[in-house]
Amino acid sequence: MGSKWFRDVAGVLNRLSGLEEQDTVCEIAALFKKVDSNCIENLIRMMRMDFGEASRLIGTHLLRRIVSEALAGITLLKQDMVEGLVQSGRLKDVLSRRSSILLEKGLSIDQAYLGMLEACRISGKSSITFKVKSLTGLLSKASDEEAILIVNILMGRQKPVDDRLILKALDEAFHGSTAGVGMAGEEASLKDIYKVVLQVVKNAGQAESG
């Protein structure tokens, strides 16, 4: 059984921005081979920064406010100070002021993705307090590396991984398992990338058990 832990994802995604394309593909391919197949769809959604309709809130003033309030909730800092530090690129300084870190079990990939999704789902002013509380809980359980990725995604600072690179990494990770799922037709693959990914992973599992 593969890994289900978000720490493995954060370790890779936090360093992709400085890599050349082929190195990026190799890093993602290694991650695909390491992650449990049951987590693969949420991993891809996270990489693409795909939170459905809620994606439109990524990087907005409202979500930045929710993030800064949540960060203030896990530190001894005031919200305006947190916001200023984060805006100036000093997120690590904020995280160093956390009053407590709950790392007994660590975050799973699904917990991280669903937690971020919840923060994006805003339905009326009354829900903002709940979102802050929920995100505070998520960040309080995250390591510094995990928290950095969560904050950067929600604030729109994390660049989505290009679908073309995802498909290249998929082909490299599960070589020989892409037949019959339209990998040759890139437009068709990009149209329903989740269907393609799940089918490839399924094919790979069948090949290993065969």
N, C-alpha and C. Protein backbone atom coordinates (compact mmCIF):
# COMPACT_ATOMS: atom_id res chain seq x y z
N MET A 1 0.85 -1.20 0.00
CA MET A 1 0.00 0.00 0.00
C MET A 1 0.88 1.24 0.00
N GLY A 2 0.50 2.25 -0.79
CA GLY A 2 1.29 3.47 -0.90
C GLY A 2 1.02 4.44 0.23
N SER A 3 1.73 5.55 0.18
CA SER A 3 1.60 6.57 1.21
C SER A 3 0.32 7.39 1.02
N LYS A 4 -0.28 7.78 2.12
CA LYS A 4 -1.47 8.64 2.07
C LYS A 4 -1.18 9.99 2.71
N TRP A 5 0.10 10.24 3.03
CA TRP A 5 0.42 11.40 3.85
C TRP A 5 0.70 12.65 3.03
N PHE A 6 0.15 13.75 3.51
CA PHE A 6 0.28 15.04 2.85
C PHE A 6 1.71 15.55 2.88
N ARG A 7 2.49 15.12 3.87
CA ARG A 7 3.88 15.58 3.97
C ARG A 7 4.68 15.23 2.72
N ASP A 8 4.36 14.07 2.12
CA ASP A 8 5.06 13.66 0.90
C ASP A 8 4.73 14.60 -0.26
N VAL A 9 3.48 15.03 -0.31
CA VAL A 9 3.02 15.95 -1.36
C VAL A 9 3.65 17.32 -1.17
N ALA A 10 3.60 17.83 0.06
CA ALA A 10 4.15 19.16 0.35
C ALA A 10 5.63 19.23 0.03
N GLY A 11 6.35 18.16 0.34
CA GLY A 11 7.78 18.15 0.07
C GLY A 11 8.10 18.31 -1.40
N VAL A 12 7.26 17.75 -2.26
CA VAL A 12 7.46 17.85 -3.71
C VAL A 12 6.95 19.18 -4.25
N LEU A 13 5.70 19.52 -3.96
CA LEU A 13 5.10 20.70 -4.57
C LEU A 13 5.77 22.00 -4.14
N ASN A 14 6.29 22.03 -2.94
CA ASN A 14 6.95 23.26 -2.47
C ASN A 14 8.25 23.57 -3.22
N ARG A 15 8.82 22.58 -3.88
CA ARG A 15 10.09 22.83 -4.58
C ARG A 15 9.98 22.78 -6.11
N LEU A 16 8.78 22.63 -6.64
CA LEU A 16 8.63 22.51 -8.09
C LEU A 16 8.96 23.80 -8.84
N SER A 17 8.71 24.94 -8.23
CA SER A 17 8.85 26.22 -8.95
C SER A 17 10.27 26.46 -9.46
N GLY A 18 11.26 25.90 -8.81
CA GLY A 18 12.63 26.14 -9.22
C GLY A 18 13.21 25.08 -10.14
N LEU A 19 12.37 24.15 -10.61
CA LEU A 19 12.87 23.03 -11.40
C LEU A 19 12.61 23.21 -12.90
N GLU A 20 13.48 22.60 -13.70
CA GLU A 20 13.25 22.52 -15.14
C GLU A 20 12.13 21.52 -15.41
N GLU A 21 11.58 21.56 -16.62
CA GLU A 21 10.41 20.73 -16.94
C GLU A 21 10.66 19.25 -16.71
N GLN A 22 11.78 18.72 -17.20
CA GLN A 22 12.02 17.29 -17.06
C GLN A 22 12.19 16.88 -15.60
N ASP A 23 12.85 17.73 -14.83
CA ASP A 23 13.01 17.45 -13.40
C ASP A 23 11.65 17.49 -12.69
N THR A 24 10.78 18.41 -13.14
CA THR A 24 9.43 18.49 -12.58
C THR A 24 8.67 17.20 -12.86
N VAL A 25 8.75 16.72 -14.09
CA VAL A 25 8.07 15.48 -14.47
C VAL A 25 8.59 14.31 -13.63
N CYS A 26 9.90 14.24 -13.43
CA CYS A 26 10.49 13.15 -12.64
C CYS A 26 10.03 13.20 -11.19
N GLU A 27 9.97 14.40 -10.62
CA GLU A 27 9.53 14.56 -9.23
C GLU A 27 8.07 14.12 -9.07
N ILE A 28 7.22 14.56 -10.00
CA ILE A 28 5.80 14.22 -9.92
C ILE A 28 5.60 12.73 -10.15
N ALA A 29 6.35 12.15 -11.10
CA ALA A 29 6.24 10.72 -11.37
C ALA A 29 6.60 9.90 -10.13
N ALA A 30 7.66 10.32 -9.44
CA ALA A 30 8.06 9.62 -8.21
C ALA A 30 6.97 9.73 -7.15
N LEU A 31 6.32 10.89 -7.10
CA LEU A 31 5.23 11.09 -6.14
C LEU A 31 4.05 10.19 -6.48
N PHE A 32 3.71 10.10 -7.76
CA PHE A 32 2.61 9.23 -8.20
C PHE A 32 2.87 7.78 -7.79
N LYS A 33 4.10 7.34 -7.94
CA LYS A 33 4.43 5.95 -7.61
C LYS A 33 4.39 5.69 -6.11
N LYS A 34 4.57 6.76 -5.34
CA LYS A 34 4.63 6.62 -3.88
C LYS A 34 3.26 6.68 -3.21
N VAL A 35 2.34 7.47 -3.82
CA VAL A 35 1.05 7.75 -3.18
C VAL A 35 0.06 6.60 -3.37
N ASP A 36 -0.73 6.37 -2.33
CA ASP A 36 -1.79 5.35 -2.39
C ASP A 36 -2.77 5.69 -3.51
N SER A 37 -3.19 4.68 -4.24
CA SER A 37 -4.10 4.90 -5.38
C SER A 37 -5.42 5.53 -4.96
N ASN A 38 -5.85 5.30 -3.72
CA ASN A 38 -7.11 5.88 -3.25
C ASN A 38 -7.03 7.40 -3.06
N CYS A 39 -5.80 7.92 -3.01
CA CYS A 39 -5.61 9.36 -2.79
C CYS A 39 -5.30 10.12 -4.07
N ILE A 40 -5.15 9.38 -5.18
CA ILE A 40 -4.59 9.98 -6.38
C ILE A 40 -5.47 11.09 -6.96
N GLU A 41 -6.80 10.93 -6.90
CA GLU A 41 -7.65 11.96 -7.50
C GLU A 41 -7.55 13.27 -6.73
N ASN A 42 -7.60 13.21 -5.41
CA ASN A 42 -7.47 14.44 -4.62
C ASN A 42 -6.08 15.04 -4.76
N LEU A 43 -5.07 14.21 -4.96
CA LEU A 43 -3.73 14.72 -5.22
C LEU A 43 -3.71 15.53 -6.51
N ILE A 44 -4.31 14.99 -7.57
CA ILE A 44 -4.35 15.70 -8.85
C ILE A 44 -5.14 16.99 -8.72
N ARG A 45 -6.26 16.95 -8.02
CA ARG A 45 -7.06 18.17 -7.82
C ARG A 45 -6.25 19.23 -7.08
N MET A 46 -5.48 18.81 -6.10
CA MET A 46 -4.65 19.74 -5.35
C MET A 46 -3.57 20.34 -6.25
N MET A 47 -2.94 19.50 -7.06
CA MET A 47 -1.88 19.96 -7.95
C MET A 47 -2.41 20.97 -8.97
N ARG A 48 -3.64 20.75 -9.42
CA ARG A 48 -4.25 21.64 -10.41
C ARG A 48 -4.94 22.84 -9.75
N MET A 49 -4.95 22.85 -8.40
CA MET A 49 -5.68 23.86 -7.63
C MET A 49 -7.14 23.90 -8.07
N ASP A 50 -7.70 22.72 -8.18
CA ASP A 50 -9.08 22.55 -8.62
C ASP A 50 -9.97 22.28 -7.41
N PHE A 51 -10.75 23.29 -7.04
CA PHE A 51 -11.71 23.16 -5.95
C PHE A 51 -13.12 23.38 -6.47
N GLY A 52 -13.33 23.01 -7.74
CA GLY A 52 -14.64 23.18 -8.36
C GLY A 52 -15.02 24.64 -8.45
N GLU A 53 -16.28 24.94 -8.22
CA GLU A 53 -16.76 26.32 -8.29
C GLU A 53 -16.08 27.21 -7.25
N ALA A 54 -15.66 26.60 -6.16
CA ALA A 54 -15.01 27.37 -5.10
C ALA A 54 -13.63 27.88 -5.51
N SER A 55 -13.10 27.37 -6.62
CA SER A 55 -11.78 27.80 -7.09
C SER A 55 -11.73 29.30 -7.36
N ARG A 56 -12.89 29.89 -7.65
CA ARG A 56 -12.91 31.32 -7.98
C ARG A 56 -12.54 32.20 -6.78
N LEU A 57 -12.58 31.63 -5.58
CA LEU A 57 -12.23 32.41 -4.39
C LEU A 57 -10.74 32.37 -4.06
N ILE A 58 -10.00 31.47 -4.74
CA ILE A 58 -8.57 31.38 -4.48
C ILE A 58 -7.90 32.73 -4.75
N GLY A 59 -7.14 33.20 -3.79
CA GLY A 59 -6.41 34.44 -3.95
C GLY A 59 -7.21 35.71 -3.77
N THR A 60 -8.50 35.59 -3.45
CA THR A 60 -9.32 36.79 -3.27
C THR A 60 -9.07 37.42 -1.90
N HIS A 61 -9.52 38.66 -1.76
CA HIS A 61 -9.37 39.36 -0.47
C HIS A 61 -10.06 38.59 0.65
N LEU A 62 -11.23 38.02 0.36
CA LEU A 62 -11.98 37.28 1.38
C LEU A 62 -11.20 36.08 1.88
N LEU A 63 -10.62 35.33 0.95
CA LEU A 63 -9.88 34.14 1.37
C LEU A 63 -8.57 34.51 2.06
N ARG A 64 -7.95 35.60 1.62
CA ARG A 64 -6.74 36.07 2.31
C ARG A 64 -7.07 36.46 3.75
N ARG A 65 -8.26 37.04 3.94
CA ARG A 65 -8.69 37.39 5.29
C ARG A 65 -8.89 36.15 6.15
N ILE A 66 -9.52 35.15 5.58
CA ILE A 66 -9.76 33.90 6.32
C ILE A 66 -8.43 33.25 6.69
N VAL A 67 -7.47 33.24 5.75
CA VAL A 67 -6.16 32.65 6.01
C VAL A 67 -5.44 33.41 7.12
N SER A 68 -5.46 34.73 7.06
CA SER A 68 -4.75 35.53 8.07
C SER A 68 -5.38 35.37 9.44
N GLU A 69 -6.71 35.27 9.50
CA GLU A 69 -7.38 35.05 10.79
C GLU A 69 -7.04 33.67 11.34
N ALA A 70 -6.96 32.68 10.46
CA ALA A 70 -6.62 31.33 10.90
C ALA A 70 -5.18 31.28 11.40
N LEU A 71 -4.27 31.95 10.71
CA LEU A 71 -2.88 31.99 11.15
C LEU A 71 -2.75 32.72 12.49
N ALA A 72 -3.52 33.78 12.66
CA ALA A 72 -3.51 34.49 13.94
C ALA A 72 -4.00 33.57 15.06
N GLY A 73 -4.93 32.67 14.69
CA GLY A 73 -5.49 31.77 15.68
C GLY A 73 -4.52 30.72 16.18
N ILE A 74 -3.45 30.47 15.44
CA ILE A 74 -2.47 29.45 15.88
C ILE A 74 -1.17 30.10 16.34
N THR A 75 -1.17 31.43 16.41
CA THR A 75 0.03 32.13 16.89
C THR A 75 -0.38 33.11 17.99
N LEU A 76 0.60 33.83 18.48
CA LEU A 76 0.33 34.86 19.48
C LEU A 76 0.30 36.24 18.82
N LEU A 77 0.17 36.25 17.51
CA LEU A 77 0.21 37.50 16.75
C LEU A 77 -1.20 38.00 16.43
N LYS A 78 -1.33 39.31 16.25
CA LYS A 78 -2.59 39.90 15.84
C LYS A 78 -2.77 39.72 14.34
N GLN A 79 -4.03 39.74 13.90
CA GLN A 79 -4.33 39.48 12.50
C GLN A 79 -3.63 40.45 11.55
N ASP A 80 -3.63 41.75 11.88
CA ASP A 80 -3.01 42.71 10.97
C ASP A 80 -1.51 42.50 10.85
N MET A 81 -0.89 42.05 11.93
CA MET A 81 0.54 41.76 11.88
C MET A 81 0.80 40.52 11.05
N VAL A 82 -0.05 39.51 11.22
CA VAL A 82 0.06 38.29 10.43
C VAL A 82 -0.07 38.61 8.94
N GLU A 83 -1.07 39.41 8.62
CA GLU A 83 -1.32 39.75 7.21
C GLU A 83 -0.12 40.49 6.61
N GLY A 84 0.45 41.39 7.39
CA GLY A 84 1.61 42.14 6.90
C GLY A 84 2.81 41.23 6.67
N LEU A 85 3.06 40.31 7.59
CA LEU A 85 4.19 39.39 7.45
C LEU A 85 4.01 38.46 6.26
N VAL A 86 2.79 37.94 6.10
CA VAL A 86 2.52 37.03 4.98
C VAL A 86 2.66 37.76 3.65
N GLN A 87 2.12 38.97 3.58
CA GLN A 87 2.20 39.74 2.33
C GLN A 87 3.64 40.08 1.96
N SER A 88 4.51 40.21 2.96
CA SER A 88 5.91 40.54 2.69
C SER A 88 6.77 39.29 2.52
N GLY A 89 6.12 38.13 2.43
CA GLY A 89 6.86 36.89 2.18
C GLY A 89 7.51 36.28 3.40
N ARG A 90 7.00 36.62 4.58
CA ARG A 90 7.61 36.13 5.83
C ARG A 90 6.69 35.13 6.55
N LEU A 91 6.10 34.23 5.78
CA LEU A 91 5.22 33.21 6.34
C LEU A 91 5.94 32.34 7.36
N LYS A 92 7.20 32.03 7.10
CA LYS A 92 7.96 31.20 8.04
C LYS A 92 8.08 31.87 9.41
N ASP A 93 8.19 33.21 9.41
CA ASP A 93 8.26 33.94 10.67
C ASP A 93 6.95 33.81 11.45
N VAL A 94 5.85 33.81 10.71
CA VAL A 94 4.54 33.62 11.35
C VAL A 94 4.45 32.24 11.97
N LEU A 95 4.81 31.22 11.19
CA LEU A 95 4.70 29.84 11.66
C LEU A 95 5.62 29.56 12.85
N SER A 96 6.72 30.29 12.92
CA SER A 96 7.64 30.10 14.05
C SER A 96 7.04 30.57 15.36
N ARG A 97 5.96 31.33 15.28
CA ARG A 97 5.31 31.86 16.49
C ARG A 97 4.11 31.02 16.91
N ARG A 98 3.95 29.86 16.31
CA ARG A 98 2.81 29.02 16.70
C ARG A 98 2.89 28.63 18.17
N SER A 99 1.74 28.70 18.83
CA SER A 99 1.71 28.38 20.26
C SER A 99 1.76 26.88 20.50
N SER A 100 1.28 26.10 19.52
CA SER A 100 1.33 24.65 19.65
C SER A 100 1.21 24.02 18.27
N ILE A 101 1.79 22.83 18.12
CA ILE A 101 1.71 22.10 16.86
C ILE A 101 1.28 20.67 17.19
N LEU A 102 0.22 20.22 16.56
CA LEU A 102 -0.28 18.88 16.82
C LEU A 102 0.15 17.96 15.68
N LEU A 103 1.23 17.23 15.90
CA LEU A 103 1.80 16.41 14.83
C LEU A 103 1.77 14.91 15.14
N GLU A 104 0.90 14.49 16.02
CA GLU A 104 0.91 13.09 16.43
C GLU A 104 0.71 12.14 15.24
N LYS A 105 -0.26 12.46 14.41
CA LYS A 105 -0.58 11.57 13.30
C LYS A 105 -0.20 12.17 11.95
N GLY A 106 -0.22 13.46 11.85
CA GLY A 106 0.05 14.10 10.57
C GLY A 106 -1.21 14.17 9.72
N LEU A 107 -1.18 15.03 8.72
CA LEU A 107 -2.32 15.18 7.83
C LEU A 107 -2.26 14.16 6.70
N SER A 108 -3.43 13.67 6.33
CA SER A 108 -3.50 12.83 5.14
C SER A 108 -3.75 13.73 3.93
N ILE A 109 -3.54 13.20 2.74
CA ILE A 109 -3.80 13.95 1.51
C ILE A 109 -5.26 14.36 1.45
N ASP A 110 -6.14 13.44 1.78
CA ASP A 110 -7.57 13.74 1.73
C ASP A 110 -7.95 14.81 2.75
N GLN A 111 -7.41 14.74 3.96
CA GLN A 111 -7.69 15.76 4.97
C GLN A 111 -7.25 17.14 4.49
N ALA A 112 -6.08 17.21 3.90
CA ALA A 112 -5.55 18.49 3.44
C ALA A 112 -6.41 19.06 2.32
N TYR A 113 -6.73 18.23 1.33
CA TYR A 113 -7.52 18.73 0.20
C TYR A 113 -8.91 19.15 0.65
N LEU A 114 -9.58 18.29 1.42
CA LEU A 114 -10.94 18.60 1.85
C LEU A 114 -10.96 19.80 2.80
N GLY A 115 -9.90 19.97 3.60
CA GLY A 115 -9.81 21.12 4.48
C GLY A 115 -9.68 22.41 3.70
N MET A 116 -8.88 22.38 2.63
CA MET A 116 -8.75 23.56 1.78
C MET A 116 -10.04 23.83 1.02
N LEU A 117 -10.68 22.77 0.58
CA LEU A 117 -11.96 22.92 -0.12
C LEU A 117 -12.99 23.59 0.78
N GLU A 118 -13.02 23.20 2.03
CA GLU A 118 -13.96 23.78 2.99
C GLU A 118 -13.70 25.27 3.17
N ALA A 119 -12.43 25.65 3.18
CA ALA A 119 -12.08 27.06 3.35
C ALA A 119 -12.54 27.89 2.16
N CYS A 120 -12.62 27.26 1.00
CA CYS A 120 -13.05 27.98 -0.22
C CYS A 120 -14.56 28.09 -0.34
N ARG A 121 -15.27 27.21 0.32
CA ARG A 121 -16.73 27.19 0.19
C ARG A 121 -17.35 28.23 1.11
N ILE A 122 -17.63 29.37 0.56
CA ILE A 122 -18.21 30.45 1.36
C ILE A 122 -19.66 30.65 0.93
N SER A 123 -20.57 30.56 1.88
CA SER A 123 -21.99 30.75 1.56
C SER A 123 -22.61 31.68 2.59
N GLY A 124 -22.43 32.97 2.38
CA GLY A 124 -22.99 33.94 3.30
C GLY A 124 -22.00 34.36 4.38
N LYS A 125 -22.21 35.52 4.94
CA LYS A 125 -21.29 36.07 5.93
C LYS A 125 -21.19 35.22 7.18
N SER A 126 -22.28 34.55 7.53
CA SER A 126 -22.30 33.77 8.77
C SER A 126 -21.35 32.58 8.73
N SER A 127 -20.92 32.17 7.53
CA SER A 127 -20.07 31.00 7.43
C SER A 127 -18.59 31.33 7.60
N ILE A 128 -18.22 32.60 7.55
CA ILE A 128 -16.81 32.97 7.59
C ILE A 128 -16.17 32.53 8.91
N THR A 129 -16.84 32.75 10.02
CA THR A 129 -16.30 32.34 11.32
C THR A 129 -16.05 30.85 11.36
N PHE A 130 -16.96 30.08 10.79
CA PHE A 130 -16.79 28.63 10.76
C PHE A 130 -15.59 28.25 9.90
N LYS A 131 -15.42 28.93 8.75
CA LYS A 131 -14.31 28.64 7.86
C LYS A 131 -12.98 28.92 8.56
N VAL A 132 -12.92 30.04 9.28
CA VAL A 132 -11.70 30.39 10.00
C VAL A 132 -11.38 29.31 11.04
N LYS A 133 -12.38 28.89 11.77
CA LYS A 133 -12.19 27.87 12.80
C LYS A 133 -11.72 26.56 12.18
N SER A 134 -12.33 26.18 11.06
CA SER A 134 -11.96 24.95 10.38
C SER A 134 -10.52 25.01 9.86
N LEU A 135 -10.16 26.13 9.24
CA LEU A 135 -8.81 26.27 8.71
C LEU A 135 -7.78 26.36 9.83
N THR A 136 -8.15 27.00 10.94
CA THR A 136 -7.26 27.04 12.10
C THR A 136 -6.94 25.64 12.58
N GLY A 137 -7.96 24.79 12.62
CA GLY A 137 -7.75 23.41 13.03
C GLY A 137 -6.83 22.66 12.07
N LEU A 138 -7.01 22.91 10.78
CA LEU A 138 -6.17 22.25 9.78
C LEU A 138 -4.71 22.69 9.92
N LEU A 139 -4.49 24.00 10.04
CA LEU A 139 -3.13 24.52 10.13
C LEU A 139 -2.44 24.13 11.44
N SER A 140 -3.23 23.95 12.48
CA SER A 140 -2.64 23.57 13.77
C SER A 140 -2.09 22.15 13.74
N LYS A 141 -2.57 21.35 12.79
CA LYS A 141 -2.10 19.96 12.67
C LYS A 141 -1.01 19.81 11.61
N ALA A 142 -0.74 20.88 10.87
CA ALA A 142 0.21 20.81 9.77
C ALA A 142 1.63 21.15 10.21
N SER A 143 2.59 20.49 9.61
CA SER A 143 3.98 20.87 9.81
C SER A 143 4.21 22.20 9.10
N ASP A 144 5.37 22.81 9.32
CA ASP A 144 5.65 24.08 8.65
C ASP A 144 5.58 23.92 7.13
N GLU A 145 6.17 22.86 6.61
CA GLU A 145 6.19 22.63 5.17
C GLU A 145 4.78 22.45 4.62
N GLU A 146 3.95 21.71 5.36
CA GLU A 146 2.56 21.50 4.94
C GLU A 146 1.77 22.81 5.01
N ALA A 147 1.97 23.57 6.09
CA ALA A 147 1.25 24.83 6.25
C ALA A 147 1.62 25.82 5.16
N ILE A 148 2.88 25.85 4.77
CA ILE A 148 3.33 26.74 3.69
C ILE A 148 2.59 26.43 2.40
N LEU A 149 2.47 25.16 2.06
CA LEU A 149 1.76 24.79 0.83
C LEU A 149 0.28 25.14 0.92
N ILE A 150 -0.35 24.86 2.05
CA ILE A 150 -1.77 25.17 2.22
C ILE A 150 -2.02 26.66 2.05
N VAL A 151 -1.23 27.47 2.73
CA VAL A 151 -1.40 28.93 2.66
C VAL A 151 -1.14 29.43 1.25
N ASN A 152 -0.09 28.96 0.61
CA ASN A 152 0.23 29.42 -0.74
C ASN A 152 -0.85 29.05 -1.75
N ILE A 153 -1.42 27.87 -1.59
CA ILE A 153 -2.51 27.47 -2.49
C ILE A 153 -3.72 28.38 -2.31
N LEU A 154 -4.14 28.55 -1.07
CA LEU A 154 -5.35 29.34 -0.80
C LEU A 154 -5.17 30.81 -1.16
N MET A 155 -3.96 31.32 -1.05
CA MET A 155 -3.72 32.72 -1.37
C MET A 155 -3.38 32.95 -2.85
N GLY A 156 -3.39 31.86 -3.62
CA GLY A 156 -3.13 31.98 -5.05
C GLY A 156 -1.67 32.16 -5.39
N ARG A 157 -0.79 31.84 -4.47
CA ARG A 157 0.64 32.00 -4.71
C ARG A 157 1.28 30.74 -5.28
N GLN A 158 0.61 29.64 -5.14
CA GLN A 158 1.12 28.38 -5.67
C GLN A 158 0.69 28.24 -7.12
N LYS A 159 1.63 28.03 -8.01
CA LYS A 159 1.31 27.90 -9.42
C LYS A 159 0.75 26.50 -9.70
N PRO A 160 -0.41 26.40 -10.35
CA PRO A 160 -0.96 25.07 -10.67
C PRO A 160 0.01 24.30 -11.57
N VAL A 161 0.05 23.00 -11.38
CA VAL A 161 0.87 22.15 -12.25
C VAL A 161 0.14 21.99 -13.58
N ASP A 162 0.84 22.22 -14.65
CA ASP A 162 0.25 22.13 -15.99
C ASP A 162 -0.23 20.71 -16.27
N ASP A 163 -1.42 20.59 -16.86
CA ASP A 163 -1.98 19.27 -17.17
C ASP A 163 -1.05 18.44 -18.04
N ARG A 164 -0.38 19.10 -18.96
CA ARG A 164 0.53 18.39 -19.86
C ARG A 164 1.65 17.71 -19.07
N LEU A 165 2.16 18.39 -18.03
CA LEU A 165 3.21 17.81 -17.21
C LEU A 165 2.67 16.67 -16.35
N ILE A 166 1.43 16.82 -15.89
CA ILE A 166 0.80 15.75 -15.12
C ILE A 166 0.70 14.48 -15.96
N LEU A 167 0.29 14.63 -17.21
CA LEU A 167 0.15 13.47 -18.09
C LEU A 167 1.51 12.86 -18.42
N LYS A 168 2.52 13.68 -18.60
CA LYS A 168 3.87 13.17 -18.85
C LYS A 168 4.37 12.37 -17.65
N ALA A 169 4.13 12.92 -16.45
CA ALA A 169 4.56 12.24 -15.23
C ALA A 169 3.79 10.94 -15.04
N LEU A 170 2.53 10.97 -15.39
CA LEU A 170 1.69 9.78 -15.29
C LEU A 170 2.23 8.68 -16.20
N ASP A 171 2.61 9.05 -17.40
CA ASP A 171 3.15 8.10 -18.36
C ASP A 171 4.47 7.53 -17.87
N GLU A 172 5.28 8.39 -17.25
CA GLU A 172 6.58 7.94 -16.74
C GLU A 172 6.42 7.04 -15.52
N ALA A 173 5.48 7.40 -14.66
CA ALA A 173 5.28 6.62 -13.42
C ALA A 173 4.69 5.26 -13.69
N PHE A 174 3.77 5.18 -14.65
CA PHE A 174 3.05 3.93 -14.91
C PHE A 174 3.25 3.48 -16.35
N HIS A 175 4.50 3.47 -16.76
CA HIS A 175 4.85 3.10 -18.13
C HIS A 175 4.29 1.73 -18.48
N GLY A 176 3.59 1.67 -19.61
CA GLY A 176 3.00 0.41 -20.03
C GLY A 176 1.57 0.22 -19.57
N SER A 177 1.06 1.18 -18.75
CA SER A 177 -0.30 1.06 -18.24
C SER A 177 -1.23 2.11 -18.85
N THR A 178 -0.74 2.83 -19.86
CA THR A 178 -1.53 3.91 -20.43
C THR A 178 -2.30 3.51 -21.68
N ALA A 179 -2.12 2.29 -22.13
CA ALA A 179 -2.80 1.86 -23.34
C ALA A 179 -4.31 1.86 -23.15
N GLY A 180 -5.00 2.37 -24.15
CA GLY A 180 -6.46 2.31 -24.13
C GLY A 180 -7.16 3.41 -23.38
N VAL A 181 -6.40 4.40 -22.89
CA VAL A 181 -7.05 5.48 -22.16
C VAL A 181 -6.87 6.84 -22.83
N GLY A 182 -6.42 6.80 -24.09
CA GLY A 182 -6.36 8.05 -24.85
C GLY A 182 -5.18 8.93 -24.56
N MET A 183 -4.08 8.35 -24.07
CA MET A 183 -2.92 9.18 -23.77
C MET A 183 -2.33 9.81 -25.02
N ALA A 184 -2.52 9.16 -26.16
CA ALA A 184 -1.98 9.70 -27.40
C ALA A 184 -2.75 10.94 -27.84
N GLY A 185 -4.03 10.99 -27.50
CA GLY A 185 -4.85 12.14 -27.84
C GLY A 185 -4.87 13.13 -26.70
N GLU A 186 -3.96 14.08 -26.71
CA GLU A 186 -3.79 14.97 -25.56
C GLU A 186 -5.03 15.78 -25.27
N GLU A 187 -5.72 16.25 -26.31
CA GLU A 187 -6.92 17.05 -26.08
C GLU A 187 -7.99 16.24 -25.35
N ALA A 188 -8.15 14.99 -25.75
CA ALA A 188 -9.14 14.13 -25.10
C ALA A 188 -8.75 13.86 -23.66
N SER A 189 -7.46 13.68 -23.42
CA SER A 189 -6.98 13.40 -22.07
C SER A 189 -7.18 14.59 -21.15
N LEU A 190 -6.90 15.78 -21.66
CA LEU A 190 -7.03 16.98 -20.84
C LEU A 190 -8.48 17.29 -20.53
N LYS A 191 -9.38 16.85 -21.39
CA LYS A 191 -10.80 17.13 -21.20
C LYS A 191 -11.33 16.45 -19.95
N ASP A 192 -10.85 15.26 -19.67
CA ASP A 192 -11.29 14.55 -18.47
C ASP A 192 -10.08 13.89 -17.84
N ILE A 193 -9.20 14.72 -17.31
CA ILE A 193 -7.91 14.23 -16.81
C ILE A 193 -8.09 13.28 -15.63
N TYR A 194 -9.12 13.49 -14.82
CA TYR A 194 -9.32 12.61 -13.66
C TYR A 194 -9.69 11.20 -14.09
N LYS A 195 -10.50 11.11 -15.12
CA LYS A 195 -10.88 9.79 -15.65
C LYS A 195 -9.65 9.08 -16.20
N VAL A 196 -8.81 9.82 -16.90
CA VAL A 196 -7.59 9.25 -17.46
C VAL A 196 -6.67 8.75 -16.34
N VAL A 197 -6.46 9.59 -15.34
CA VAL A 197 -5.56 9.23 -14.24
C VAL A 197 -6.04 7.98 -13.52
N LEU A 198 -7.32 7.94 -13.19
CA LEU A 198 -7.86 6.78 -12.45
C LEU A 198 -7.77 5.50 -13.27
N GLN A 199 -7.98 5.63 -14.59
CA GLN A 199 -7.89 4.44 -15.44
C GLN A 199 -6.46 3.95 -15.55
N VAL A 200 -5.52 4.86 -15.66
CA VAL A 200 -4.11 4.49 -15.73
C VAL A 200 -3.67 3.79 -14.45
N VAL A 201 -4.06 4.36 -13.30
CA VAL A 201 -3.70 3.76 -12.01
C VAL A 201 -4.33 2.37 -11.88
N LYS A 202 -5.55 2.25 -12.35
CA LYS A 202 -6.22 0.94 -12.33
C LYS A 202 -5.49 -0.06 -13.19
N ASN A 203 -5.09 0.36 -14.40
CA ASN A 203 -4.34 -0.51 -15.31
C ASN A 203 -3.02 -0.94 -14.69
N ALA A 204 -2.37 0.01 -14.02
CA ALA A 204 -1.08 -0.30 -13.39
C ALA A 204 -1.27 -1.33 -12.29
N GLY A 205 -2.32 -1.19 -11.51
CA GLY A 205 -2.60 -2.16 -10.44
C GLY A 205 -2.89 -3.53 -10.97
N GLN A 206 -3.61 -3.59 -12.08
CA GLN A 206 -3.90 -4.89 -12.70
C GLN A 206 -2.65 -5.54 -13.25
N ALA A 207 -1.76 -4.70 -13.80
CA ALA A 207 -0.51 -5.22 -14.36
C ALA A 207 0.38 -5.80 -13.26
N GLU A 208 0.39 -5.12 -12.10
CA GLU A 208 1.22 -5.60 -10.99
C GLU A 208 0.70 -6.88 -10.39
N SER A 209 -0.62 -7.03 -10.37
CA SER A 209 -1.22 -8.22 -9.76
C SER A 209 -1.30 -9.39 -10.74
N GLY A 210 -1.10 -9.08 -12.03
CA GLY A 210 -1.23 -10.11 -13.05
C GLY A 210 0.00 -11.00 -13.15
